[in-house]
């Protein structure tokens, strides 16, 4: 894992030195999150937030690479029948690296992988961090609209790729039935 993180930092550093133009910014917004996976089809959404910073590294005229560091509140509301709902609130530091394509000057499309580091996990106020893996992976798809050169809004969906439960899966069926993060984010960003 340390090698992956060091390799990502090296790629970003190389990108910064060779990029034609780099802009930095901050962003924040609303998360609508749930768990996906066979045994979690009936989980309900939780509303949270995300906040962080990013760099937009222009590669060619219409293409940029956008690494981000975001604090993100995620989780799901699980239905336990007569026992009532159970809130599972997970906090992550997410590091997506996106390819951002300018369809026009105002409209953008983006996609790319992300790695997440679990900061805390609570279930109705009780610490349950030991029940979840410390690292999550996902893939992002999104669209954006630039009001000005500095202010933009975006919508992004993150598909969880990894079993977030702290147990090993032995086959495809167990993987498909394991919980994975599912996040829809609406954000406002400001570039300097």
N, C-alpha and C. Protein backbone atom coordinates (compact mmCIF):
# COMPACT_ATOMS: atom_id res chain seq x y z
N UNK A 1 0.82 -1.18 0.00
CA UNK A 1 0.00 0.00 0.00
C UNK A 1 0.87 1.26 0.00
N UNK A 2 1.95 1.24 0.78
CA UNK A 2 2.84 2.39 0.81
C UNK A 2 3.42 2.66 -0.58
N UNK A 3 3.71 1.58 -1.32
CA UNK A 3 4.26 1.76 -2.67
C UNK A 3 3.25 2.43 -3.59
N UNK A 4 1.98 2.05 -3.46
CA UNK A 4 0.94 2.65 -4.30
C UNK A 4 0.83 4.14 -4.00
N UNK A 5 0.83 4.50 -2.73
CA UNK A 5 0.72 5.91 -2.35
C UNK A 5 1.93 6.70 -2.83
N UNK A 6 3.13 6.14 -2.65
CA UNK A 6 4.34 6.82 -3.12
C UNK A 6 4.34 6.97 -4.64
N UNK A 7 3.87 5.94 -5.35
CA UNK A 7 3.80 6.02 -6.81
C UNK A 7 2.82 7.11 -7.24
N UNK A 8 1.66 7.20 -6.56
CA UNK A 8 0.69 8.24 -6.89
C UNK A 8 1.26 9.64 -6.65
N UNK A 9 1.97 9.81 -5.55
CA UNK A 9 2.60 11.11 -5.26
C UNK A 9 3.64 11.45 -6.32
N UNK A 10 4.43 10.46 -6.74
CA UNK A 10 5.44 10.70 -7.77
C UNK A 10 4.80 11.10 -9.09
N UNK A 11 3.70 10.43 -9.46
CA UNK A 11 3.01 10.76 -10.71
C UNK A 11 2.46 12.19 -10.63
N UNK A 12 1.86 12.56 -9.49
CA UNK A 12 1.33 13.91 -9.35
C UNK A 12 2.44 14.95 -9.38
N UNK A 13 3.56 14.67 -8.72
CA UNK A 13 4.68 15.62 -8.73
C UNK A 13 5.23 15.79 -10.14
N UNK A 14 5.34 14.69 -10.88
CA UNK A 14 5.80 14.77 -12.27
C UNK A 14 4.82 15.58 -13.11
N UNK A 15 3.51 15.35 -12.85
CA UNK A 15 2.49 16.10 -13.58
C UNK A 15 2.57 17.59 -13.31
N UNK A 16 2.82 17.96 -12.05
CA UNK A 16 2.92 19.38 -11.71
C UNK A 16 4.09 20.04 -12.44
N UNK A 17 5.22 19.35 -12.55
CA UNK A 17 6.38 19.97 -13.16
C UNK A 17 6.26 20.06 -14.67
N UNK A 18 5.50 19.14 -15.28
CA UNK A 18 5.38 19.14 -16.74
C UNK A 18 4.08 19.76 -17.24
N UNK A 19 3.20 20.11 -16.38
CA UNK A 19 1.91 20.64 -16.81
C UNK A 19 2.05 22.05 -17.36
N UNK A 20 1.20 22.34 -18.35
CA UNK A 20 1.20 23.67 -18.94
C UNK A 20 0.64 24.69 -17.95
N UNK A 21 -0.39 24.28 -17.23
CA UNK A 21 -1.04 25.20 -16.30
C UNK A 21 -1.65 24.40 -15.16
N UNK A 22 -1.44 24.84 -13.93
CA UNK A 22 -2.02 24.17 -12.76
C UNK A 22 -2.76 25.20 -11.94
N UNK A 23 -4.01 24.85 -11.58
CA UNK A 23 -4.82 25.71 -10.71
C UNK A 23 -5.24 24.89 -9.50
N UNK A 24 -5.32 25.55 -8.37
CA UNK A 24 -5.72 24.89 -7.14
C UNK A 24 -7.09 25.42 -6.72
N UNK A 25 -7.79 24.63 -5.92
CA UNK A 25 -9.10 25.05 -5.49
C UNK A 25 -9.59 24.31 -4.27
N UNK A 26 -10.75 24.74 -3.80
CA UNK A 26 -11.43 24.10 -2.68
C UNK A 26 -12.83 23.73 -3.13
N UNK A 27 -13.38 22.71 -2.49
CA UNK A 27 -14.73 22.29 -2.85
C UNK A 27 -15.42 21.71 -1.65
N UNK A 28 -16.72 21.69 -1.71
CA UNK A 28 -17.52 21.09 -0.66
C UNK A 28 -18.91 20.84 -1.17
N UNK A 29 -19.63 19.99 -0.47
CA UNK A 29 -20.99 19.73 -0.92
C UNK A 29 -21.69 18.64 -0.14
N UNK A 30 -22.77 18.19 -0.72
CA UNK A 30 -23.70 17.25 -0.12
C UNK A 30 -23.43 15.85 -0.64
N UNK A 31 -23.41 14.86 0.26
CA UNK A 31 -23.31 13.45 -0.10
C UNK A 31 -24.64 12.77 0.19
N UNK A 32 -25.08 11.92 -0.73
CA UNK A 32 -26.19 11.01 -0.49
C UNK A 32 -25.59 9.62 -0.64
N UNK A 33 -25.48 8.89 0.48
CA UNK A 33 -24.70 7.66 0.50
C UNK A 33 -25.54 6.46 0.94
N UNK A 34 -25.07 5.30 0.51
CA UNK A 34 -25.70 4.04 0.88
C UNK A 34 -24.68 2.93 0.72
N UNK A 35 -25.06 1.70 1.07
CA UNK A 35 -24.25 0.53 0.78
C UNK A 35 -24.86 -0.18 -0.40
N UNK A 36 -24.02 -0.69 -1.28
CA UNK A 36 -24.47 -1.50 -2.40
C UNK A 36 -23.95 -2.91 -2.17
N UNK A 37 -24.59 -3.87 -2.75
CA UNK A 37 -24.20 -5.27 -2.58
C UNK A 37 -25.43 -6.10 -2.31
N UNK A 38 -25.37 -7.37 -2.66
CA UNK A 38 -26.52 -8.26 -2.59
C UNK A 38 -27.27 -8.25 -1.28
N UNK A 39 -26.58 -8.37 -0.16
CA UNK A 39 -27.26 -8.40 1.13
C UNK A 39 -27.64 -7.03 1.64
N UNK A 40 -27.30 -5.99 0.90
CA UNK A 40 -27.56 -4.61 1.35
C UNK A 40 -28.48 -3.87 0.38
N UNK A 41 -29.25 -4.63 -0.42
CA UNK A 41 -30.13 -4.00 -1.40
C UNK A 41 -31.20 -3.13 -0.75
N UNK A 42 -31.54 -3.41 0.51
CA UNK A 42 -32.59 -2.65 1.18
C UNK A 42 -32.05 -1.55 2.09
N UNK A 43 -30.74 -1.26 2.03
CA UNK A 43 -30.21 -0.18 2.86
C UNK A 43 -30.76 1.15 2.36
N UNK A 44 -30.97 2.05 3.30
CA UNK A 44 -31.51 3.37 2.98
C UNK A 44 -30.37 4.38 2.98
N UNK A 45 -30.60 5.48 2.31
CA UNK A 45 -29.57 6.51 2.17
C UNK A 45 -29.41 7.35 3.43
N UNK A 46 -28.17 7.79 3.63
CA UNK A 46 -27.86 8.80 4.64
C UNK A 46 -27.39 10.06 3.90
N UNK A 47 -27.64 11.20 4.49
CA UNK A 47 -27.18 12.47 3.93
C UNK A 47 -25.96 12.91 4.73
N UNK A 48 -24.89 13.25 4.03
CA UNK A 48 -23.67 13.71 4.66
C UNK A 48 -23.07 14.86 3.87
N UNK A 49 -21.77 15.03 4.02
CA UNK A 49 -21.10 16.11 3.31
C UNK A 49 -19.69 15.68 2.93
N UNK A 50 -19.07 16.47 2.06
CA UNK A 50 -17.66 16.33 1.77
C UNK A 50 -17.05 17.71 1.62
N UNK A 51 -15.76 17.81 1.97
CA UNK A 51 -15.05 19.07 1.88
C UNK A 51 -13.57 18.77 1.65
N UNK A 52 -12.92 19.60 0.85
CA UNK A 52 -11.50 19.36 0.61
C UNK A 52 -10.92 20.29 -0.44
N UNK A 53 -9.79 19.86 -0.98
CA UNK A 53 -9.08 20.66 -1.98
C UNK A 53 -8.70 19.82 -3.18
N UNK A 54 -8.31 20.52 -4.24
CA UNK A 54 -7.94 19.84 -5.47
C UNK A 54 -6.93 20.66 -6.25
N UNK A 55 -6.31 20.02 -7.22
CA UNK A 55 -5.46 20.69 -8.19
C UNK A 55 -5.96 20.28 -9.57
N UNK A 56 -6.07 21.23 -10.47
CA UNK A 56 -6.45 20.93 -11.84
C UNK A 56 -5.22 21.17 -12.71
N UNK A 57 -4.69 20.09 -13.26
CA UNK A 57 -3.45 20.13 -14.03
C UNK A 57 -3.80 19.98 -15.51
N UNK A 58 -3.64 21.06 -16.26
CA UNK A 58 -3.97 21.03 -17.68
C UNK A 58 -2.91 20.23 -18.44
N UNK A 59 -3.37 19.22 -19.18
CA UNK A 59 -2.47 18.37 -19.96
C UNK A 59 -2.44 18.84 -21.41
N UNK A 60 -3.62 18.93 -22.01
CA UNK A 60 -3.77 19.50 -23.35
C UNK A 60 -4.96 20.45 -23.30
N UNK A 61 -5.33 21.03 -24.42
CA UNK A 61 -6.34 22.08 -24.44
C UNK A 61 -7.63 21.70 -23.71
N UNK A 62 -8.18 20.51 -23.92
CA UNK A 62 -9.47 20.14 -23.34
C UNK A 62 -9.38 19.07 -22.26
N UNK A 63 -8.18 18.68 -21.86
CA UNK A 63 -8.02 17.60 -20.90
C UNK A 63 -7.14 18.02 -19.74
N UNK A 64 -7.64 17.73 -18.53
CA UNK A 64 -6.88 17.99 -17.30
C UNK A 64 -6.90 16.75 -16.43
N UNK A 65 -5.91 16.66 -15.56
CA UNK A 65 -5.90 15.66 -14.50
C UNK A 65 -6.22 16.40 -13.21
N UNK A 66 -7.15 15.84 -12.42
CA UNK A 66 -7.57 16.53 -11.21
C UNK A 66 -7.46 15.61 -10.00
N UNK A 67 -6.32 15.65 -9.29
CA UNK A 67 -6.23 14.94 -8.01
C UNK A 67 -6.91 15.75 -6.92
N UNK A 68 -7.54 15.06 -5.98
CA UNK A 68 -8.26 15.71 -4.89
C UNK A 68 -7.94 15.02 -3.56
N UNK A 69 -8.13 15.75 -2.48
CA UNK A 69 -8.11 15.17 -1.13
C UNK A 69 -9.38 15.68 -0.45
N UNK A 70 -10.27 14.74 -0.06
CA UNK A 70 -11.58 15.10 0.46
C UNK A 70 -11.87 14.38 1.78
N UNK A 71 -12.44 15.11 2.73
CA UNK A 71 -13.02 14.47 3.90
C UNK A 71 -14.47 14.21 3.55
N UNK A 72 -14.91 12.95 3.68
CA UNK A 72 -16.24 12.57 3.22
C UNK A 72 -16.98 11.76 4.28
N UNK A 73 -18.20 12.18 4.61
CA UNK A 73 -19.05 11.42 5.52
C UNK A 73 -19.94 10.52 4.69
N UNK A 74 -19.90 9.22 4.98
CA UNK A 74 -20.61 8.23 4.19
C UNK A 74 -21.33 7.26 5.12
N UNK A 75 -21.96 6.24 4.56
CA UNK A 75 -22.62 5.23 5.36
C UNK A 75 -23.98 4.87 4.82
N UNK A 76 -24.80 4.25 5.67
CA UNK A 76 -26.13 3.81 5.26
C UNK A 76 -27.00 3.63 6.49
N UNK A 77 -28.30 3.61 6.24
CA UNK A 77 -29.28 3.31 7.27
C UNK A 77 -29.76 1.89 6.98
N UNK A 78 -29.53 0.96 7.93
CA UNK A 78 -29.89 -0.44 7.74
C UNK A 78 -31.20 -0.74 8.46
N UNK A 79 -32.11 -1.42 7.76
CA UNK A 79 -33.41 -1.78 8.32
C UNK A 79 -33.27 -3.09 9.10
N UNK A 80 -33.57 -3.05 10.40
CA UNK A 80 -33.49 -4.25 11.24
C UNK A 80 -34.88 -4.74 11.64
N UNK A 81 -35.88 -4.46 10.82
CA UNK A 81 -37.23 -4.92 11.09
C UNK A 81 -37.82 -4.27 12.33
N UNK A 82 -38.30 -5.09 13.25
CA UNK A 82 -38.95 -4.59 14.46
C UNK A 82 -37.98 -3.88 15.40
N UNK A 83 -36.68 -4.09 15.21
CA UNK A 83 -35.68 -3.42 16.05
C UNK A 83 -35.43 -1.98 15.62
N UNK A 84 -35.95 -1.60 14.45
CA UNK A 84 -35.77 -0.23 13.95
C UNK A 84 -34.55 -0.10 13.07
N UNK A 85 -34.33 1.11 12.58
CA UNK A 85 -33.20 1.38 11.69
C UNK A 85 -31.91 1.53 12.48
N UNK A 86 -30.80 1.18 11.83
CA UNK A 86 -29.48 1.28 12.42
C UNK A 86 -28.62 2.16 11.51
N UNK A 87 -28.16 3.31 12.00
CA UNK A 87 -27.31 4.20 11.21
C UNK A 87 -25.86 3.74 11.30
N UNK A 88 -25.23 3.52 10.15
CA UNK A 88 -23.81 3.22 10.07
C UNK A 88 -23.16 4.44 9.41
N UNK A 89 -22.40 5.21 10.19
CA UNK A 89 -21.78 6.44 9.70
C UNK A 89 -20.27 6.23 9.61
N UNK A 90 -19.75 6.30 8.38
CA UNK A 90 -18.33 6.08 8.12
C UNK A 90 -17.73 7.39 7.61
N UNK A 91 -16.59 7.77 8.16
CA UNK A 91 -15.87 8.96 7.71
C UNK A 91 -14.59 8.54 7.02
N UNK A 92 -14.35 9.09 5.84
CA UNK A 92 -13.19 8.73 5.03
C UNK A 92 -12.39 9.97 4.64
N UNK A 93 -11.10 9.78 4.41
CA UNK A 93 -10.28 10.71 3.64
C UNK A 93 -10.15 10.05 2.27
N UNK A 94 -10.79 10.63 1.27
CA UNK A 94 -10.77 10.07 -0.09
C UNK A 94 -9.79 10.82 -0.96
N UNK A 95 -9.09 10.07 -1.81
CA UNK A 95 -8.12 10.65 -2.74
C UNK A 95 -8.45 10.17 -4.15
N UNK A 96 -9.37 10.89 -4.84
CA UNK A 96 -9.63 10.54 -6.23
C UNK A 96 -8.62 11.22 -7.16
N UNK A 97 -8.34 10.57 -8.28
CA UNK A 97 -7.52 11.16 -9.35
C UNK A 97 -8.34 11.02 -10.62
N UNK A 98 -8.80 12.15 -11.15
CA UNK A 98 -9.76 12.15 -12.25
C UNK A 98 -9.17 12.70 -13.54
N UNK A 99 -9.60 12.13 -14.63
CA UNK A 99 -9.37 12.73 -15.95
C UNK A 99 -10.58 13.62 -16.20
N UNK A 100 -10.34 14.90 -16.46
CA UNK A 100 -11.42 15.87 -16.63
C UNK A 100 -11.39 16.40 -18.06
N UNK A 101 -12.48 16.16 -18.79
CA UNK A 101 -12.56 16.56 -20.20
C UNK A 101 -13.52 17.73 -20.34
N UNK A 102 -13.07 18.81 -20.99
CA UNK A 102 -13.90 19.97 -21.24
C UNK A 102 -14.68 19.75 -22.53
N UNK A 103 -15.98 19.43 -22.40
CA UNK A 103 -16.84 19.25 -23.57
C UNK A 103 -17.00 20.59 -24.26
N UNK A 104 -17.29 21.61 -23.49
CA UNK A 104 -17.28 23.01 -23.92
C UNK A 104 -16.55 23.77 -22.83
N UNK A 105 -16.50 25.09 -22.94
CA UNK A 105 -15.84 25.87 -21.89
C UNK A 105 -16.60 25.77 -20.57
N UNK A 106 -17.93 25.56 -20.64
CA UNK A 106 -18.74 25.49 -19.43
C UNK A 106 -18.94 24.05 -18.93
N UNK A 107 -19.14 23.09 -19.82
CA UNK A 107 -19.50 21.72 -19.42
C UNK A 107 -18.27 20.81 -19.40
N UNK A 108 -18.18 20.01 -18.32
CA UNK A 108 -17.07 19.05 -18.20
C UNK A 108 -17.62 17.66 -17.85
N UNK A 109 -16.84 16.67 -18.21
CA UNK A 109 -17.10 15.29 -17.81
C UNK A 109 -15.83 14.77 -17.16
N UNK A 110 -15.97 13.93 -16.14
CA UNK A 110 -14.80 13.44 -15.42
C UNK A 110 -15.00 11.98 -15.03
N UNK A 111 -13.88 11.28 -14.92
CA UNK A 111 -13.91 9.89 -14.49
C UNK A 111 -12.53 9.53 -13.95
N UNK A 112 -12.51 8.61 -12.98
CA UNK A 112 -11.23 8.16 -12.47
C UNK A 112 -11.35 7.39 -11.17
N UNK A 113 -10.27 6.73 -10.78
CA UNK A 113 -10.27 5.91 -9.57
C UNK A 113 -10.10 6.74 -8.31
N UNK A 114 -10.40 6.10 -7.19
CA UNK A 114 -10.19 6.76 -5.90
C UNK A 114 -9.82 5.71 -4.86
N UNK A 115 -9.04 6.14 -3.90
CA UNK A 115 -8.73 5.33 -2.74
C UNK A 115 -9.22 6.10 -1.52
N UNK A 116 -9.78 5.39 -0.56
CA UNK A 116 -10.30 6.02 0.64
C UNK A 116 -9.69 5.40 1.88
N UNK A 117 -9.43 6.24 2.87
CA UNK A 117 -8.86 5.80 4.14
C UNK A 117 -9.88 6.05 5.24
N UNK A 118 -10.31 4.98 5.91
CA UNK A 118 -11.32 5.08 6.95
C UNK A 118 -10.76 5.83 8.16
N UNK A 119 -11.46 6.88 8.58
CA UNK A 119 -11.07 7.67 9.73
C UNK A 119 -11.83 7.21 10.97
N UNK A 120 -13.14 7.01 10.82
CA UNK A 120 -13.95 6.55 11.95
C UNK A 120 -15.20 5.86 11.42
N UNK A 121 -15.80 5.04 12.27
CA UNK A 121 -17.05 4.35 11.94
C UNK A 121 -17.89 4.28 13.21
N UNK A 122 -19.13 4.73 13.10
CA UNK A 122 -20.05 4.73 14.24
C UNK A 122 -21.35 4.04 13.84
N UNK A 123 -21.92 3.32 14.79
CA UNK A 123 -23.23 2.71 14.62
C UNK A 123 -24.10 3.16 15.77
N UNK A 124 -25.04 4.05 15.48
CA UNK A 124 -25.89 4.66 16.51
C UNK A 124 -25.06 5.19 17.68
N UNK A 125 -23.94 5.83 17.37
CA UNK A 125 -23.09 6.46 18.37
C UNK A 125 -21.99 5.58 18.93
N UNK A 126 -22.00 4.29 18.64
CA UNK A 126 -20.98 3.37 19.16
C UNK A 126 -19.87 3.18 18.13
N UNK A 127 -18.62 3.08 18.60
CA UNK A 127 -17.48 2.88 17.71
C UNK A 127 -17.50 1.46 17.14
N UNK A 128 -17.52 1.35 15.80
CA UNK A 128 -17.51 0.05 15.13
C UNK A 128 -16.42 0.00 14.06
N UNK A 129 -15.37 0.79 14.25
CA UNK A 129 -14.31 0.87 13.24
C UNK A 129 -13.67 -0.49 12.97
N UNK A 130 -13.60 -1.36 13.97
CA UNK A 130 -13.01 -2.68 13.79
C UNK A 130 -13.82 -3.57 12.86
N UNK A 131 -15.08 -3.22 12.59
CA UNK A 131 -15.93 -4.03 11.71
C UNK A 131 -15.72 -3.68 10.23
N UNK A 132 -14.90 -2.65 9.95
CA UNK A 132 -14.71 -2.19 8.57
C UNK A 132 -13.24 -2.17 8.20
N UNK A 133 -12.97 -2.39 6.92
CA UNK A 133 -11.60 -2.33 6.42
C UNK A 133 -11.11 -0.88 6.43
N UNK A 134 -9.83 -0.71 6.62
CA UNK A 134 -9.27 0.65 6.73
C UNK A 134 -9.09 1.32 5.38
N UNK A 135 -9.16 0.55 4.27
CA UNK A 135 -8.98 1.11 2.94
C UNK A 135 -10.14 0.73 2.05
N UNK A 136 -10.61 1.68 1.27
CA UNK A 136 -11.70 1.47 0.32
C UNK A 136 -11.23 1.92 -1.05
N UNK A 137 -11.76 1.30 -2.09
CA UNK A 137 -11.48 1.74 -3.46
C UNK A 137 -12.79 1.96 -4.19
N UNK A 138 -12.75 2.84 -5.16
CA UNK A 138 -13.95 3.13 -5.94
C UNK A 138 -13.59 3.73 -7.28
N UNK A 139 -14.61 3.94 -8.10
CA UNK A 139 -14.44 4.59 -9.38
C UNK A 139 -15.50 5.67 -9.51
N UNK A 140 -15.09 6.86 -9.99
CA UNK A 140 -15.95 8.04 -10.07
C UNK A 140 -16.35 8.35 -11.51
N UNK A 141 -17.61 8.80 -11.66
CA UNK A 141 -18.13 9.34 -12.91
C UNK A 141 -18.82 10.65 -12.57
N UNK A 142 -18.57 11.71 -13.34
CA UNK A 142 -19.21 12.96 -12.99
C UNK A 142 -19.35 13.94 -14.14
N UNK A 143 -20.16 14.96 -13.89
CA UNK A 143 -20.37 16.06 -14.82
C UNK A 143 -20.23 17.36 -14.05
N UNK A 144 -19.78 18.41 -14.73
CA UNK A 144 -19.63 19.70 -14.08
C UNK A 144 -20.09 20.84 -14.97
N UNK A 145 -20.36 21.96 -14.34
CA UNK A 145 -20.71 23.18 -15.06
C UNK A 145 -19.94 24.33 -14.45
N UNK A 146 -19.22 25.09 -15.30
CA UNK A 146 -18.43 26.23 -14.86
C UNK A 146 -19.23 27.51 -15.07
N UNK A 147 -19.60 28.17 -13.97
CA UNK A 147 -20.30 29.45 -14.08
C UNK A 147 -19.33 30.53 -14.54
N UNK A 148 -18.13 30.51 -13.97
CA UNK A 148 -17.06 31.44 -14.34
C UNK A 148 -15.77 30.62 -14.41
N UNK A 149 -14.65 31.28 -14.61
CA UNK A 149 -13.37 30.57 -14.60
C UNK A 149 -13.03 30.06 -13.20
N UNK A 150 -13.66 30.62 -12.18
CA UNK A 150 -13.34 30.26 -10.80
C UNK A 150 -14.41 29.43 -10.10
N UNK A 151 -15.67 29.59 -10.45
CA UNK A 151 -16.77 28.95 -9.73
C UNK A 151 -17.44 27.88 -10.59
N UNK A 152 -17.61 26.68 -9.99
CA UNK A 152 -18.25 25.59 -10.73
C UNK A 152 -19.08 24.74 -9.78
N UNK A 153 -20.00 23.97 -10.36
CA UNK A 153 -20.78 22.98 -9.62
C UNK A 153 -20.56 21.64 -10.29
N UNK A 154 -20.79 20.58 -9.52
CA UNK A 154 -20.61 19.26 -10.09
C UNK A 154 -21.51 18.24 -9.46
N UNK A 155 -21.74 17.18 -10.20
CA UNK A 155 -22.45 16.01 -9.70
C UNK A 155 -21.58 14.81 -10.03
N UNK A 156 -21.40 13.94 -9.03
CA UNK A 156 -20.49 12.80 -9.20
C UNK A 156 -21.07 11.58 -8.51
N UNK A 157 -20.91 10.44 -9.15
CA UNK A 157 -21.31 9.17 -8.54
C UNK A 157 -20.06 8.32 -8.35
N UNK A 158 -19.89 7.80 -7.14
CA UNK A 158 -18.76 6.92 -6.84
C UNK A 158 -19.28 5.51 -6.63
N UNK A 159 -18.81 4.60 -7.47
CA UNK A 159 -19.15 3.19 -7.37
C UNK A 159 -18.09 2.53 -6.51
N UNK A 160 -18.49 1.94 -5.38
CA UNK A 160 -17.55 1.22 -4.55
C UNK A 160 -17.12 -0.08 -5.21
N UNK A 161 -15.83 -0.34 -5.21
CA UNK A 161 -15.29 -1.55 -5.84
C UNK A 161 -14.88 -2.61 -4.82
N UNK A 162 -14.68 -2.22 -3.57
CA UNK A 162 -14.14 -3.14 -2.58
C UNK A 162 -15.17 -3.47 -1.50
N UNK A 163 -15.08 -4.67 -0.97
CA UNK A 163 -15.84 -5.06 0.21
C UNK A 163 -15.32 -4.22 1.37
N UNK A 164 -16.20 -3.44 1.99
CA UNK A 164 -15.74 -2.58 3.08
C UNK A 164 -15.82 -3.27 4.44
N UNK A 165 -16.51 -4.41 4.51
CA UNK A 165 -16.58 -5.17 5.76
C UNK A 165 -15.24 -5.81 6.07
N UNK A 166 -14.90 -5.89 7.35
CA UNK A 166 -13.59 -6.44 7.74
C UNK A 166 -13.64 -7.96 7.80
N UNK A 167 -13.86 -8.56 6.64
CA UNK A 167 -13.81 -10.01 6.50
C UNK A 167 -13.42 -10.32 5.05
N UNK A 168 -12.84 -11.47 4.85
CA UNK A 168 -12.39 -11.87 3.52
C UNK A 168 -13.52 -12.55 2.77
N UNK A 169 -13.57 -12.31 1.47
CA UNK A 169 -14.53 -13.00 0.61
C UNK A 169 -13.76 -14.04 -0.21
N UNK A 170 -14.36 -15.22 -0.34
CA UNK A 170 -13.67 -16.32 -0.99
C UNK A 170 -14.10 -16.56 -2.43
N UNK A 171 -15.25 -16.03 -2.82
CA UNK A 171 -15.71 -16.29 -4.18
C UNK A 171 -16.54 -15.11 -4.68
N UNK A 172 -16.95 -15.20 -5.93
CA UNK A 172 -17.67 -14.10 -6.58
C UNK A 172 -19.00 -13.83 -5.88
N UNK A 173 -19.69 -14.88 -5.49
CA UNK A 173 -20.99 -14.69 -4.84
C UNK A 173 -20.85 -13.92 -3.52
N UNK A 174 -19.84 -14.26 -2.73
CA UNK A 174 -19.60 -13.53 -1.47
C UNK A 174 -19.22 -12.08 -1.75
N UNK A 175 -18.42 -11.85 -2.81
CA UNK A 175 -18.04 -10.48 -3.17
C UNK A 175 -19.28 -9.67 -3.54
N UNK A 176 -20.15 -10.25 -4.36
CA UNK A 176 -21.35 -9.53 -4.79
C UNK A 176 -22.29 -9.24 -3.63
N UNK A 177 -22.28 -10.08 -2.60
CA UNK A 177 -23.14 -9.87 -1.43
C UNK A 177 -22.49 -9.01 -0.34
N UNK A 178 -21.25 -8.60 -0.54
CA UNK A 178 -20.56 -7.81 0.47
C UNK A 178 -20.91 -6.32 0.32
N UNK A 179 -20.84 -5.56 1.44
CA UNK A 179 -21.17 -4.14 1.36
C UNK A 179 -20.08 -3.34 0.64
N UNK A 180 -20.53 -2.42 -0.22
CA UNK A 180 -19.64 -1.50 -0.92
C UNK A 180 -20.24 -0.11 -0.83
N UNK A 181 -19.39 0.90 -0.73
CA UNK A 181 -19.89 2.27 -0.66
C UNK A 181 -20.50 2.69 -1.98
N UNK A 182 -21.56 3.47 -1.89
CA UNK A 182 -22.24 4.06 -3.04
C UNK A 182 -22.51 5.51 -2.68
N UNK A 183 -21.92 6.45 -3.43
CA UNK A 183 -21.98 7.86 -3.05
C UNK A 183 -22.38 8.73 -4.24
N UNK A 184 -23.42 9.52 -4.07
CA UNK A 184 -23.80 10.55 -5.03
C UNK A 184 -23.47 11.88 -4.38
N UNK A 185 -22.63 12.69 -5.04
CA UNK A 185 -22.18 13.96 -4.45
C UNK A 185 -22.58 15.14 -5.33
N UNK A 186 -23.06 16.19 -4.71
CA UNK A 186 -23.35 17.46 -5.37
C UNK A 186 -22.42 18.49 -4.74
N UNK A 187 -21.57 19.13 -5.55
CA UNK A 187 -20.53 19.98 -4.98
C UNK A 187 -20.48 21.37 -5.61
N UNK A 188 -19.91 22.28 -4.86
CA UNK A 188 -19.60 23.64 -5.31
C UNK A 188 -18.09 23.80 -5.15
N UNK A 189 -17.42 24.29 -6.20
CA UNK A 189 -15.97 24.42 -6.16
C UNK A 189 -15.55 25.84 -6.51
N UNK A 190 -14.40 26.25 -5.94
CA UNK A 190 -13.81 27.55 -6.25
C UNK A 190 -12.34 27.35 -6.58
N UNK A 191 -11.92 27.77 -7.78
CA UNK A 191 -10.52 27.69 -8.19
C UNK A 191 -9.85 29.04 -8.02
N UNK A 192 -8.61 29.01 -7.53
CA UNK A 192 -7.84 30.23 -7.32
C UNK A 192 -7.12 30.64 -8.60
